[in-house]
Amino acid sequence: MLSNIGVPGMILILVVALIVFGPQKMPEIGRALGRSIREFKRASEGLTDEIKKEIAKDDKEQNTK
């Protein structure tokens, strides 16, 4: 999704955010966004690990039958 925006689109988004939120709020918003992205990545990695474990478990059960 973000790969379709391009540089001009990103600049426009940043300018609009700067106008709406002001320069004082931008670092705080950036930190919050970064924390949210990190938390999402951790959660998705945990879910992926659980799915891989279940698949490996099912494969072992099928191979022993």
C-alpha atoms as a PDB file:
ATOM      1  CA  MET A   1       0.000   0.000   0.000  1.00  0.00           C
ATOM      2  CA  LEU A   2       2.662   2.509   0.967  1.00  0.00           C
ATOM      3  CA  SER A   3       4.815   1.561  -2.009  1.00  0.00           C
ATOM      4  CA  ASN A   4       2.227   3.163  -4.313  1.00  0.00           C
ATOM      5  CA  ILE A   5       2.431   6.592  -2.655  1.00  0.00           C
ATOM      6  CA  GLY A   6       5.858   7.712  -3.852  1.00  0.00           C
ATOM      7  CA  VAL A   7       7.960  10.666  -2.750  1.00  0.00           C
ATOM      8  CA  PRO A   8       5.571  13.479  -3.774  1.00  0.00           C
ATOM      9  CA  GLY A   9       2.711  11.772  -1.944  1.00  0.00           C
ATOM     10  CA  MET A  10       4.797  11.314   1.203  1.00  0.00           C
ATOM     11  CA  ILE A  11       5.827  14.975   1.134  1.00  0.00           C
ATOM     12  CA  LEU A  12       2.181  16.014   0.784  1.00  0.00           C
ATOM     13  CA  ILE A  13       1.168  13.797   3.713  1.00  0.00           C
ATOM     14  CA  LEU A  14       3.945  15.245   5.885  1.00  0.00           C
ATOM     15  CA  VAL A  15       3.002  18.832   5.002  1.00  0.00           C
ATOM     16  CA  VAL A  16      -0.668  18.196   5.796  1.00  0.00           C
ATOM     17  CA  ALA A  17       0.258  16.511   9.090  1.00  0.00           C
ATOM     18  CA  LEU A  18       2.524  19.437   9.959  1.00  0.00           C
ATOM     19  CA  ILE A  19      -0.286  21.899   9.279  1.00  0.00           C
ATOM     20  CA  VAL A  20      -2.899  19.889  11.187  1.00  0.00           C
ATOM     21  CA  PHE A  21      -0.837  18.882  14.232  1.00  0.00           C
ATOM     22  CA  GLY A  22       1.834  21.578  14.357  1.00  0.00           C
ATOM     23  CA  PRO A  23       5.598  21.181  14.715  1.00  0.00           C
ATOM     24  CA  GLN A  24       5.478  20.594  18.485  1.00  0.00           C
ATOM     25  CA  LYS A  25       3.285  17.486  18.200  1.00  0.00           C
ATOM     26  CA  MET A  26       5.098  15.849  15.276  1.00  0.00           C
ATOM     27  CA  PRO A  27       7.887  14.121  17.305  1.00  0.00           C
ATOM     28  CA  GLU A  28       5.314  12.749  19.754  1.00  0.00           C
ATOM     29  CA  ILE A  29       3.159  11.430  16.922  1.00  0.00           C
ATOM     30  CA  GLY A  30       6.210   9.873  15.262  1.00  0.00           C
ATOM     31  CA  ARG A  31       7.191   8.077  18.461  1.00  0.00           C
ATOM     32  CA  ALA A  32       3.661   6.782  18.972  1.00  0.00           C
ATOM     33  CA  LEU A  33       3.515   5.554  15.381  1.00  0.00           C
ATOM     34  CA  GLY A  34       6.884   3.823  15.762  1.00  0.00           C
ATOM     35  CA  ARG A  35       5.758   2.088  18.965  1.00  0.00           C
ATOM     36  CA  SER A  36       2.547   0.954  17.294  1.00  0.00           C
ATOM     37  CA  ILE A  37       4.404  -0.481  14.307  1.00  0.00           C
ATOM     38  CA  ARG A  38       6.879  -2.326  16.562  1.00  0.00           C
ATOM     39  CA  GLU A  39       4.048  -3.790  18.641  1.00  0.00           C
ATOM     40  CA  PHE A  40       2.211  -4.907  15.505  1.00  0.00           C
ATOM     41  CA  LYS A  41       5.369  -6.589  14.182  1.00  0.00           C
ATOM     42  CA  ARG A  42       5.915  -8.415  17.489  1.00  0.00           C
ATOM     43  CA  ALA A  43       2.333  -9.634  17.531  1.00  0.00           C
ATOM     44  CA  SER A  44       2.448 -10.801  13.926  1.00  0.00           C
ATOM     45  CA  GLU A  45       5.777 -12.590  14.495  1.00  0.00           C
ATOM     46  CA  GLY A  46       4.317 -14.363  17.523  1.00  0.00           C
ATOM     47  CA  LEU A  47       1.300 -15.454  15.518  1.00  0.00           C
ATOM     48  CA  THR A  48       3.522 -16.643  12.662  1.00  0.00           C
ATOM     49  CA  ASP A  49       5.645 -18.667  15.100  1.00  0.00           C
ATOM     50  CA  GLU A  50       2.547 -20.340  16.551  1.00  0.00           C
ATOM     51  CA  ILE A  51       1.284 -21.253  13.094  1.00  0.00           C
ATOM     52  CA  LYS A  52       4.677 -22.694  12.125  1.00  0.00           C
ATOM     53  CA  LYS A  53       4.751 -24.788  15.323  1.00  0.00           C
ATOM     54  CA  GLU A  54       1.273 -26.154  14.612  1.00  0.00           C
ATOM     55  CA  ILE A  55       2.239 -27.030  11.036  1.00  0.00           C
ATOM     56  CA  ALA A  56       5.404 -28.767  12.225  1.00  0.00           C
ATOM     57  CA  LYS A  57       3.401 -30.643  14.853  1.00  0.00           C
ATOM     58  CA  ASP A  58       0.860 -31.789  12.252  1.00  0.00           C
ATOM     59  CA  ASP A  59       3.668 -32.895   9.904  1.00  0.00           C
ATOM     60  CA  LYS A  60       5.277 -34.972  12.666  1.00  0.00           C
ATOM     61  CA  GLU A  61       1.943 -36.600  13.504  1.00  0.00           C
ATOM     62  CA  GLN A  62       1.316 -37.481   9.846  1.00  0.00           C
ATOM     63  CA  ASN A  63       4.826 -38.873   9.401  1.00  0.00           C
ATOM     64  CA  THR A  64       4.516 -41.156  12.422  1.00  0.00           C
ATOM     65  CA  LYS A  65       1.248 -42.718  11.175  1.00  0.00           C
END
